[in-house]
Amino acid sequence: MEQDYNIDVCCEPGTASAVATDEWENWEEPEIPYEVDFGYPRTVEELKADVEKAWEERNDSSKWLTHEEFWAKLKHDLPWL
């Protein structure tokens, strides 16, 4: 069985070659169902509420760490650093 492919090859000296074939024309990206929740806002109102909350937390000094606290926590959580 002989296949008829139009093959284009792109190759520069010292790099790997890339091959493009016609089989990719019919490839369809899998759909993500709408019910999947990644935690991102889905409406403009939700986005505005999240931005407002972020600004409130940005201005709340209890949410911040000093430089020394940050590095101490990082070295505690990741001792190989």
C-alpha atoms as a PDB file:
ATOM      1  CA  MET A   1       0.000   0.000   0.000  1.00  0.00           C
ATOM      2  CA  GLU A   2       1.556   3.246  -1.121  1.00  0.00           C
ATOM      3  CA  GLN A   3       0.819   6.513   0.661  1.00  0.00           C
ATOM      4  CA  ASP A   4       0.957   9.829  -1.124  1.00  0.00           C
ATOM      5  CA  TYR A   5       2.312  12.475   1.239  1.00  0.00           C
ATOM      6  CA  ASN A   6       3.453  15.955   0.411  1.00  0.00           C
ATOM      7  CA  ILE A   7       6.514  16.269   2.618  1.00  0.00           C
ATOM      8  CA  ASP A   8       8.334  19.520   3.289  1.00  0.00           C
ATOM      9  CA  VAL A   9      11.586  19.403   5.202  1.00  0.00           C
ATOM     10  CA  CYS A  10      13.163  22.327   7.021  1.00  0.00           C
ATOM     11  CA  CYS A  11      16.767  21.840   8.032  1.00  0.00           C
ATOM     12  CA  GLU A  12      19.500  24.270   8.978  1.00  0.00           C
ATOM     13  CA  PRO A  13      23.113  23.264   9.517  1.00  0.00           C
ATOM     14  CA  GLY A  14      23.702  21.980  13.031  1.00  0.00           C
ATOM     15  CA  THR A  15      20.010  21.701  13.989  1.00  0.00           C
ATOM     16  CA  ALA A  16      17.432  18.952  14.002  1.00  0.00           C
ATOM     17  CA  SER A  17      15.168  18.665  10.994  1.00  0.00           C
ATOM     18  CA  ALA A  18      11.405  19.153  11.096  1.00  0.00           C
ATOM     19  CA  VAL A  19       9.013  17.340   8.789  1.00  0.00           C
ATOM     20  CA  ALA A  20       5.496  18.547   7.998  1.00  0.00           C
ATOM     21  CA  THR A  21       2.985  16.273   6.324  1.00  0.00           C
ATOM     22  CA  ASP A  22      -0.610  16.577   5.175  1.00  0.00           C
ATOM     23  CA  GLU A  23      -1.820  14.329   8.003  1.00  0.00           C
ATOM     24  CA  TRP A  24      -1.899  17.319  10.363  1.00  0.00           C
ATOM     25  CA  GLU A  25      -4.563  19.083   8.299  1.00  0.00           C
ATOM     26  CA  ASN A  26      -7.283  16.774   9.651  1.00  0.00           C
ATOM     27  CA  TRP A  27      -6.068  16.759  13.265  1.00  0.00           C
ATOM     28  CA  GLU A  28      -8.617  18.149  15.695  1.00  0.00           C
ATOM     29  CA  GLU A  29      -7.759  19.590  19.085  1.00  0.00           C
ATOM     30  CA  PRO A  30      -9.539  17.707  21.856  1.00  0.00           C
ATOM     31  CA  GLU A  31     -12.324  19.751  23.375  1.00  0.00           C
ATOM     32  CA  ILE A  32     -12.307  20.585  27.069  1.00  0.00           C
ATOM     33  CA  PRO A  33     -15.811  20.234  28.503  1.00  0.00           C
ATOM     34  CA  TYR A  34     -17.253  23.475  29.857  1.00  0.00           C
ATOM     35  CA  GLU A  35     -17.865  21.787  33.214  1.00  0.00           C
ATOM     36  CA  VAL A  36     -14.117  21.604  33.896  1.00  0.00           C
ATOM     37  CA  ASP A  37     -13.235  24.323  36.393  1.00  0.00           C
ATOM     38  CA  PHE A  38      -9.645  25.572  36.393  1.00  0.00           C
ATOM     39  CA  GLY A  39     -10.459  28.232  38.987  1.00  0.00           C
ATOM     40  CA  TYR A  40     -10.361  31.141  36.546  1.00  0.00           C
ATOM     41  CA  PRO A  41     -13.207  33.669  36.356  1.00  0.00           C
ATOM     42  CA  ARG A  42     -15.772  32.884  33.652  1.00  0.00           C
ATOM     43  CA  THR A  43     -17.575  36.232  33.506  1.00  0.00           C
ATOM     44  CA  VAL A  44     -16.556  39.876  33.529  1.00  0.00           C
ATOM     45  CA  GLU A  45     -18.220  40.308  36.932  1.00  0.00           C
ATOM     46  CA  GLU A  46     -16.183  37.427  38.400  1.00  0.00           C
ATOM     47  CA  LEU A  47     -13.026  38.918  36.887  1.00  0.00           C
ATOM     48  CA  LYS A  48     -13.760  42.341  38.391  1.00  0.00           C
ATOM     49  CA  ALA A  49     -14.408  40.749  41.792  1.00  0.00           C
ATOM     50  CA  ASP A  50     -11.115  38.828  41.613  1.00  0.00           C
ATOM     51  CA  VAL A  51      -9.186  41.970  40.647  1.00  0.00           C
ATOM     52  CA  GLU A  52     -10.788  43.906  43.515  1.00  0.00           C
ATOM     53  CA  LYS A  53      -9.875  41.119  45.956  1.00  0.00           C
ATOM     54  CA  ALA A  54      -6.296  41.091  44.637  1.00  0.00           C
ATOM     55  CA  TRP A  55      -5.990  44.860  45.181  1.00  0.00           C
ATOM     56  CA  GLU A  56      -7.320  44.495  48.723  1.00  0.00           C
ATOM     57  CA  GLU A  57      -4.798  41.743  49.482  1.00  0.00           C
ATOM     58  CA  ARG A  58      -2.028  43.753  47.826  1.00  0.00           C
ATOM     59  CA  ASN A  59      -2.651  46.609  50.236  1.00  0.00           C
ATOM     60  CA  ASP A  60      -2.975  44.316  53.298  1.00  0.00           C
ATOM     61  CA  SER A  61       0.416  44.258  55.021  1.00  0.00           C
ATOM     62  CA  SER A  62      -0.444  41.015  56.859  1.00  0.00           C
ATOM     63  CA  LYS A  63      -0.305  39.165  53.520  1.00  0.00           C
ATOM     64  CA  TRP A  64       3.290  40.247  52.847  1.00  0.00           C
ATOM     65  CA  LEU A  65       6.603  38.755  53.969  1.00  0.00           C
ATOM     66  CA  THR A  66       9.846  40.597  54.521  1.00  0.00           C
ATOM     67  CA  HIS A  67      12.813  39.652  52.366  1.00  0.00           C
ATOM     68  CA  GLU A  68      14.363  37.711  55.264  1.00  0.00           C
ATOM     69  CA  GLU A  69      11.092  35.879  56.037  1.00  0.00           C
ATOM     70  CA  PHE A  70      10.669  34.948  52.387  1.00  0.00           C
ATOM     71  CA  TRP A  71      14.152  33.414  52.123  1.00  0.00           C
ATOM     72  CA  ALA A  72      13.824  31.638  55.482  1.00  0.00           C
ATOM     73  CA  LYS A  73      10.529  30.073  54.371  1.00  0.00           C
ATOM     74  CA  LEU A  74      11.974  29.162  50.972  1.00  0.00           C
ATOM     75  CA  LYS A  75      15.045  27.527  52.524  1.00  0.00           C
ATOM     76  CA  HIS A  76      12.823  25.680  55.008  1.00  0.00           C
ATOM     77  CA  ASP A  77      10.498  24.380  52.241  1.00  0.00           C
ATOM     78  CA  LEU A  78      13.306  23.700  49.767  1.00  0.00           C
ATOM     79  CA  PRO A  79      16.383  22.742  51.807  1.00  0.00           C
ATOM     80  CA  TRP A  80      18.455  21.786  48.754  1.00  0.00           C
ATOM     81  CA  LEU A  81      18.721  25.436  47.690  1.00  0.00           C
END
